[in-house]
Amino acid sequence: MEHLTPGERKVAKKLILTLIEAGYHISVSDGEEVVIKQSRNIPVIHDAMGSTDADAIIIYEEELPINKKNPRYKCLGSFELVYGNDPSGEELIADYSDNPICRKIVDKVEG
């Protein structure tokens, strides 16, 4: 996140915190590779963000029954973050999956 503007950093942190508080696991794709897979570790997720001009934040829920040795995840949607559009961060979330879960998250983050 070191290359993000203060406004972008604020929105990105709010998005990640909102997703973690909702119980989701997060993957981060920098457009070339998935650099973090199904994590709930906020500092690790933050460190993976902003290394390119865009990131995809993909959210998952752990499927039941929970197998601690080999957990399975169900993809629930994604958020496309594009850096550099607006220093305030208001345009950071450029697109997201059109479903009730992602719309609710965006409403919380942008509200």
Protein backbone atom coordinates (compact mmCIF):
# COMPACT_ATOMS: atom_id res chain seq x y z
CA MET A 1 0.00 0.00 0.00
CA GLU A 2 2.98 2.30 0.16
CA HIS A 3 2.33 3.65 -3.37
CA LEU A 4 -1.31 4.55 -2.69
CA THR A 5 -2.47 8.06 -1.92
CA PRO A 6 -3.73 8.66 1.63
CA GLY A 7 -7.31 8.66 0.31
CA GLU A 8 -6.86 5.39 -1.57
CA ARG A 9 -5.19 3.83 1.46
CA LYS A 10 -8.12 4.84 3.68
CA VAL A 11 -10.72 3.31 1.35
CA ALA A 12 -8.66 0.15 0.77
CA LYS A 13 -8.19 -0.37 4.51
CA LYS A 14 -11.91 0.19 5.14
CA LEU A 15 -12.79 -2.36 2.44
CA ILE A 16 -10.47 -5.02 3.88
CA LEU A 17 -11.60 -4.40 7.47
CA THR A 18 -15.27 -4.56 6.44
CA LEU A 19 -14.68 -7.87 4.64
CA ILE A 20 -12.78 -9.39 7.58
CA GLU A 21 -15.41 -8.22 10.07
CA ALA A 22 -18.07 -9.89 7.88
CA GLY A 23 -16.15 -13.18 8.22
CA TYR A 24 -14.76 -13.50 4.71
CA HIS A 25 -11.41 -14.83 3.54
CA ILE A 26 -9.58 -12.66 1.00
CA SER A 27 -7.39 -13.33 -2.02
CA VAL A 28 -5.48 -10.55 -3.77
CA SER A 29 -4.63 -10.69 -7.47
CA ASP A 30 -2.30 -8.07 -8.91
CA GLY A 31 -3.43 -8.81 -12.47
CA GLU A 32 -0.66 -11.27 -13.17
CA GLU A 33 -0.90 -13.66 -10.24
CA VAL A 34 -2.80 -14.30 -7.05
CA VAL A 35 -0.35 -13.02 -4.46
CA ILE A 36 -2.43 -13.84 -1.35
CA LYS A 37 -4.87 -16.75 -1.14
CA GLN A 38 -7.84 -16.98 1.25
CA SER A 39 -6.28 -14.95 4.04
CA ARG A 40 -7.76 -13.17 7.05
CA ASN A 41 -4.44 -11.59 8.07
CA ILE A 42 -5.01 -7.86 7.62
CA PRO A 43 -1.33 -6.71 7.57
CA VAL A 44 -0.43 -9.43 5.04
CA ILE A 45 -3.36 -8.45 2.81
CA HIS A 46 -2.46 -4.75 3.03
CA ASP A 47 1.17 -5.50 2.13
CA ALA A 48 0.04 -7.37 -0.99
CA MET A 49 -2.02 -4.46 -2.31
CA GLY A 50 -0.90 -1.62 -4.56
CA SER A 51 2.16 -3.17 -6.20
CA THR A 52 0.56 -2.61 -9.63
CA ASP A 53 -1.97 -0.09 -10.93
CA ALA A 54 -4.91 -2.40 -10.11
CA ASP A 55 -5.85 -5.25 -7.79
CA ALA A 56 -8.70 -7.73 -7.65
CA ILE A 57 -9.92 -8.50 -4.14
CA ILE A 58 -11.69 -11.86 -4.23
CA ILE A 59 -13.82 -12.93 -1.28
CA TYR A 60 -14.57 -16.42 -0.04
CA GLU A 61 -16.42 -18.15 2.73
CA GLU A 62 -15.22 -21.37 4.26
CA GLU A 63 -17.49 -24.24 3.31
CA LEU A 64 -18.93 -26.59 5.90
CA PRO A 65 -17.89 -28.99 7.21
CA ILE A 66 -14.75 -27.11 8.13
CA ASN A 67 -11.68 -29.28 7.65
CA LYS A 68 -8.78 -27.51 9.40
CA LYS A 69 -6.13 -29.48 7.51
CA ASN A 70 -7.62 -28.96 4.07
CA PRO A 71 -10.25 -26.19 4.13
CA ARG A 72 -12.52 -25.60 1.14
CA TYR A 73 -13.73 -22.19 0.10
CA LYS A 74 -16.66 -20.90 -1.92
CA CYS A 75 -16.03 -17.78 -4.01
CA LEU A 76 -18.64 -15.09 -3.32
CA GLY A 77 -17.46 -12.27 -5.57
CA SER A 78 -14.76 -9.73 -6.23
CA PHE A 79 -13.87 -6.05 -6.17
CA GLU A 80 -11.71 -4.39 -8.81
CA LEU A 81 -9.52 -1.66 -7.36
CA VAL A 82 -7.88 0.81 -9.76
CA TYR A 83 -5.25 3.10 -8.32
CA GLY A 84 -4.51 6.61 -9.55
CA ASN A 85 -8.01 7.63 -10.69
CA ASP A 86 -8.73 9.97 -7.80
CA PRO A 87 -6.37 10.79 -4.90
CA SER A 88 -9.35 10.97 -2.52
CA GLY A 89 -10.02 7.26 -3.05
CA GLU A 90 -13.64 7.87 -4.07
CA GLU A 91 -13.13 5.99 -7.34
CA LEU A 92 -10.91 3.24 -5.95
CA ILE A 93 -13.58 0.53 -6.23
CA ALA A 94 -13.94 0.64 -10.01
CA ASP A 95 -16.15 -2.45 -10.30
CA TYR A 96 -17.48 -5.32 -8.22
CA SER A 97 -19.58 -8.47 -8.56
CA ASP A 98 -23.24 -7.60 -8.92
CA ASN A 99 -24.67 -9.59 -6.05
CA PRO A 100 -26.25 -8.72 -2.68
CA ILE A 101 -23.09 -9.51 -0.69
CA CYS A 102 -20.80 -7.25 -2.70
CA ARG A 103 -23.39 -4.45 -2.97
CA LYS A 104 -23.80 -4.48 0.82
CA ILE A 105 -20.02 -4.27 1.33
CA VAL A 106 -19.67 -1.38 -1.15
CA ASP A 107 -22.54 0.47 0.55
CA LYS A 108 -20.74 0.16 3.91
CA VAL A 109 -17.38 1.24 2.49
CA GLU A 110 -18.67 4.14 0.41
CA GLY A 111 -21.47 5.14 2.79
